Structures are given as structure tokens and as C-alpha cells.
Protein backbone atom coordinates (compact mmCIF):
# COMPACT_ATOMS: atom_id res chain seq x y z
CA MET A 1 117.30 53.08 -193.95
CA LYS A 2 113.80 52.65 -195.38
CA LYS A 3 115.24 52.18 -198.87
CA LEU A 4 117.70 49.65 -197.55
CA VAL A 5 115.01 47.60 -195.79
CA SER A 6 112.90 47.79 -198.92
CA MET A 7 115.81 46.51 -201.07
CA PHE A 8 116.35 43.69 -198.73
CA CYS A 9 112.70 42.72 -198.62
CA ALA A 10 112.73 42.77 -202.55
CA VAL A 11 115.95 40.75 -202.89
CA THR A 12 114.63 38.24 -200.16
CA PHE A 13 111.32 37.90 -202.00
CA ALA A 14 113.07 37.14 -205.26
CA ALA A 15 115.31 34.65 -203.72
CA VAL A 16 112.34 32.88 -202.07
CA LEU A 17 110.36 32.96 -205.49
CA PHE A 18 113.14 31.29 -207.41
CA SER A 19 114.03 28.78 -204.80
CA GLY A 20 110.51 27.71 -204.62
CA CYS A 21 110.19 27.07 -208.28
CA ASP A 22 109.97 23.39 -209.20
CA ASP A 23 113.43 22.42 -210.38
CA ASP A 24 111.71 19.96 -212.69
CA SER A 25 109.60 22.44 -214.47
CA ASP A 26 111.39 21.65 -217.87
CA TYR A 27 110.11 17.96 -217.23
CA SER A 28 106.48 18.79 -216.27
CA ILE A 29 103.47 19.78 -218.16
CA GLY A 30 100.83 22.36 -217.08
CA GLY A 31 97.23 22.85 -217.69
CA SER A 32 93.83 21.22 -216.73
CA PRO A 33 93.14 17.67 -216.57
CA SER A 34 92.11 16.05 -219.85
CA ASP A 35 89.38 13.53 -220.66
CA LEU A 36 92.30 11.21 -222.36
CA GLY A 37 93.35 10.46 -218.62
CA LYS A 38 90.15 9.75 -217.19
CA GLU A 39 89.55 6.48 -215.23
CA GLY A 40 88.36 3.66 -217.37
CA VAL A 41 89.97 5.05 -220.64
CA ILE A 42 91.35 2.01 -222.52
CA ILE A 43 94.33 2.21 -225.17
CA THR A 44 94.27 -0.63 -227.69
CA SER A 45 96.35 -1.38 -230.76
CA SER A 46 95.92 -3.42 -233.99
CA SER A 47 93.63 -6.57 -233.79
CA VAL A 48 96.08 -8.20 -236.16
CA PRO A 49 99.59 -9.19 -234.90
CA ILE A 50 102.31 -6.77 -236.06
CA ALA A 51 105.91 -8.10 -235.78
CA GLY A 52 105.02 -10.77 -233.16
CA ILE A 53 102.91 -8.23 -231.15
CA SER A 54 99.29 -8.64 -230.40
CA GLY A 55 96.54 -8.25 -227.76
CA PHE A 56 97.77 -4.94 -226.43
CA SER A 57 95.47 -3.18 -223.95
CA ALA A 58 96.16 -0.63 -221.32
CA THR A 59 93.59 0.74 -218.82
CA VAL A 60 93.46 3.90 -216.58
CA THR A 61 92.73 2.13 -213.26
CA SER A 62 92.83 5.22 -211.29
CA VAL A 63 93.81 8.96 -211.33
CA GLU A 64 96.15 10.33 -208.58
CA ASP A 65 96.46 14.12 -208.15
CA GLY A 66 95.79 14.67 -211.81
CA VAL A 67 98.07 11.72 -212.87
CA SER A 68 96.58 8.69 -214.78
CA VAL A 69 97.48 5.28 -213.42
CA PHE A 70 97.72 2.41 -216.10
CA ASN A 71 97.61 -1.30 -215.90
CA GLY A 72 98.64 -2.97 -219.36
CA GLN A 73 99.30 -6.28 -221.08
CA VAL A 74 100.35 -7.60 -224.48
CA VAL A 75 101.56 -10.81 -226.11
CA ILE A 76 104.90 -10.67 -227.72
CA THR A 77 106.55 -13.63 -229.71
CA ASN A 78 109.11 -11.65 -231.07
CA SER A 79 112.34 -12.75 -229.12
CA THR A 80 114.42 -9.59 -229.97
CA LEU A 81 111.63 -7.28 -228.45
CA LYS A 82 111.31 -9.37 -225.42
CA GLN A 83 115.00 -9.25 -224.80
CA ILE A 84 114.84 -5.26 -225.06
CA LEU A 85 111.86 -5.22 -222.67
CA SER A 86 113.65 -7.52 -220.07
CA ASN A 87 115.66 -4.40 -219.31
CA VAL A 88 112.78 -1.96 -218.58
CA PRO A 89 111.94 -1.96 -215.04
CA GLY A 90 108.52 -2.96 -213.72
CA LEU A 91 107.62 -5.16 -216.53
CA ASN A 92 106.49 -8.80 -215.95
CA ILE A 93 107.49 -11.34 -218.68
CA SER A 94 106.04 -14.84 -218.49
CA GLY A 95 106.64 -16.64 -221.69
CA ASP A 96 105.03 -14.54 -224.30
CA ASN A 97 102.84 -12.60 -221.83
CA VAL A 98 104.12 -9.15 -220.93
CA SER A 99 102.24 -7.05 -218.15
CA VAL A 100 102.89 -3.98 -216.16
CA ASN A 101 101.12 -2.14 -213.39
CA GLY A 102 101.27 1.46 -212.10
CA VAL A 103 102.39 3.26 -215.21
CA LYS A 104 101.90 6.94 -214.62
CA VAL A 105 100.97 9.58 -217.25
CA LYS A 106 99.73 12.86 -216.94
CA PHE A 107 97.23 14.22 -219.72
CA THR A 108 96.23 17.80 -219.70
CA ASP A 109 94.88 20.22 -222.24
CA LYS A 110 98.37 21.49 -222.56
CA GLY A 111 100.11 18.04 -223.52
CA ILE A 112 101.13 14.70 -222.20
CA GLU A 113 103.89 13.81 -219.61
CA ASN A 114 105.36 10.53 -218.78
CA GLN A 115 105.97 10.13 -215.13
CA HIS A 116 106.79 6.51 -214.29
CA PRO A 117 108.45 4.14 -214.68
CA PHE A 118 111.41 5.53 -216.55
CA TYR A 119 112.32 8.22 -219.16
CA GLN A 120 110.32 10.59 -217.29
CA GLY A 121 109.40 14.03 -218.78
CA ILE A 122 107.20 15.70 -221.34
CA LEU A 123 106.19 13.56 -224.18
CA VAL A 124 104.48 16.44 -226.18
CA LYS A 125 103.00 19.88 -225.88
CA PHE A 126 100.18 20.48 -228.05
CA ASP A 127 101.43 23.98 -229.02
CA ALA A 128 104.78 22.52 -230.01
CA ASN A 129 106.66 23.80 -233.07
CA VAL A 130 108.95 21.68 -235.14
CA GLY A 131 112.47 21.60 -233.50
CA ASP A 132 111.23 21.99 -229.97
CA THR A 133 113.01 19.58 -227.59
CA TYR A 134 111.98 18.09 -224.15
CA PRO A 135 114.57 17.00 -221.76
CA ILE A 136 114.35 13.70 -219.90
CA LYS A 137 115.08 13.14 -216.23
CA ASP A 138 118.36 11.31 -215.35
CA SER A 139 119.17 11.01 -218.93
CA ASP A 140 121.29 12.65 -221.58
CA THR A 141 118.61 11.89 -224.32
CA GLU A 142 115.76 14.15 -225.13
CA ARG A 143 112.61 14.04 -227.31
CA LYS A 144 112.37 16.30 -230.23
CA VAL A 145 109.40 17.41 -232.26
CA VAL A 146 110.17 16.57 -235.87
CA TYR A 147 106.79 17.23 -237.57
CA LYS A 148 103.51 19.02 -237.02
CA SER A 149 100.59 18.61 -239.25
CA THR A 150 99.06 22.01 -240.74
CA THR A 151 96.17 20.06 -242.39
CA ASP A 152 94.28 16.77 -241.57
CA ASP A 153 96.89 14.74 -243.18
CA PHE A 154 97.21 11.60 -240.84
CA GLN A 155 94.98 8.61 -241.42
CA TYR A 156 93.23 7.49 -238.13
CA ALA A 157 90.74 4.90 -238.46
CA PHE A 158 88.19 6.05 -241.07
CA TYR A 159 89.07 9.64 -241.12
CA LYS A 160 92.07 12.04 -241.14
CA ILE A 161 93.52 14.30 -238.23
CA LYS A 162 96.33 16.46 -237.33
CA VAL A 163 99.29 15.20 -235.60
CA ILE A 164 102.55 15.95 -233.92
CA GLU A 165 105.44 13.57 -234.29
CA VAL A 166 108.10 13.43 -231.52
CA GLU A 167 111.25 11.52 -232.00
CA HIS A 168 113.45 10.07 -229.15
CA GLU A 169 116.98 8.62 -230.10
CA ILE A 170 116.77 6.26 -227.04
CA ASN A 171 119.68 3.82 -227.75
CA PHE A 172 118.37 1.30 -225.20
CA TYR A 173 119.66 -2.36 -225.34
CA GLY A 174 119.16 -2.78 -229.07
CA LEU A 175 116.29 -0.07 -229.37
CA LYS A 176 117.71 2.85 -231.47
CA LYS A 177 114.68 5.15 -231.67
CA ILE A 178 111.10 5.76 -230.86
CA ASN A 179 108.77 8.06 -232.68
CA TYR A 180 105.38 8.94 -231.32
CA TRP A 181 102.53 10.51 -233.20
CA VAL A 182 100.09 12.32 -230.92
CA ASN A 183 96.85 14.11 -231.56
CA HIS A 184 95.17 16.56 -228.87
CA LYS A 185 91.82 14.88 -229.06
CA PHE A 186 92.86 11.20 -229.45
CA GLY A 187 96.29 11.12 -227.64
CA LEU A 188 98.85 8.60 -228.81
CA VAL A 189 97.87 7.26 -232.23
CA ARG A 190 101.01 5.56 -233.55
CA VAL A 191 104.43 4.53 -232.20
CA GLU A 192 107.19 3.38 -234.41
CA PHE A 193 110.27 1.59 -233.01
CA THR A 194 113.56 1.36 -234.84
CA LEU A 195 115.93 -1.22 -233.89
CA ASP A 196 119.61 -1.30 -233.99
CA ASP A 197 119.61 -3.52 -237.09
CA GLY A 198 117.49 -1.19 -238.86
CA GLU A 199 114.19 -2.94 -238.54
CA THR A 200 111.10 -0.74 -237.92
CA ILE A 201 107.92 -1.76 -236.13
CA THR A 202 105.02 0.48 -236.43
CA LEU A 203 101.95 0.05 -234.21
CA PRO A 204 98.62 2.08 -234.30
CA PHE A 205 96.86 3.05 -231.10
CA TYR A 206 93.27 3.93 -230.26
CA MET A 207 91.81 5.41 -227.19
CA GLY A 208 88.44 3.96 -226.17
CA ASN A 209 85.74 5.10 -223.57
CA LEU A 210 86.55 8.73 -224.29
CA GLU A 211 83.67 11.24 -223.31
């Protein structure tokens, strides 16, 4: 009888353990909070217009339960890009001015996770290997690691750093693909958009007010 009770307890414990696991664990990043997501951090891009894009700035306005909340704005004169962006939830478009509030991103020493407004899931894990994939909530698409530096081979401002390149075949209203280049110390350092017509738009990104 004692063996039966012990077995029952073990099975019950296992059931509780697995049922208590977060179903979204494949979409979430663990680890300790990173300075990349601290309140006051600012992300900017090129000071020179690129493909009708200029004045990009995004600021961490608060941190909620380890998740950074961004407000951002950019000037876009490229009509094709504005048409694509008009389908993104939460964006405000007024003429050439595009703004957004409440974008949520989690930065930890393990990686970066996009949480809001859409295509939620892991953007990158810093211990990634080429070929790793990250599923995305409510989507049949995924992000895939396509390159990882073994030496300091990526030009960032006045010096070179290591990067991880992640590709997302997004197929979103004329936007075919997005490629991200990420560094564990400087965060997102480049994004390349590939449109359905084959045009590519590459933007550098810089994180300021880091400690």
C-alpha cells in the first residue's frame, strides 16, 4: 500500500510540475536583466537619411517586471515603407511622421525577446549556434540564426565587434524578410529589410546612455 501511495505521489508531482511549466517557454528568454534595457537607454540610427528614413529614435521610458517599454519616432518619406507600416498594429502615421508607444522588449544576459506589439518571441540567444530557430507566437514563421562571428569582423562605429545574424522570412504586406545583427554588449546594431520587389534597406543602430 505504501508503495502504491508513493507511486501516486510521484505521478501527481510530475503532473503538477509539467502542467505548471510555462507553455510559452519556447518564446521566452531567461537570465538576469541587462543594462541594454535600462530606463533611459536610447536607440538611434544614421544621422543621414537612408531610403527615405531619418530621425529614428527610441527610448526606454520604463521597465516593468524586467521588460523594457519603448516609445519611438521616425520620419519616413518612402511611400512603399509607409504602406507596409500602415499594417503594423500600434503605429501612428501622420504624414511622414511615424511614432509608437509601449513597445515591449526583454533584455537579459541570455538574449533579447520581443514581447509587444506583434511577432512575439525570442529575437536572439547570445549562446546561439548557426541553424538555431526561434518560434513566434501566433505565426507559422520563425527566426533563424544564419551567421555567428568567431572573430571581431563587424564594423561598428570606429571599431569591430562580434555579431549574431538572425533572419526572419516575414512575408508581411510587401516586406519579404528582415535580418537582424545583434551583439551581446551593444544590442541591435543593424537591421536589413528585403522588400518583395528585391529592394534591400539597411539601417545601422546605436544604443546610447549605456552604463
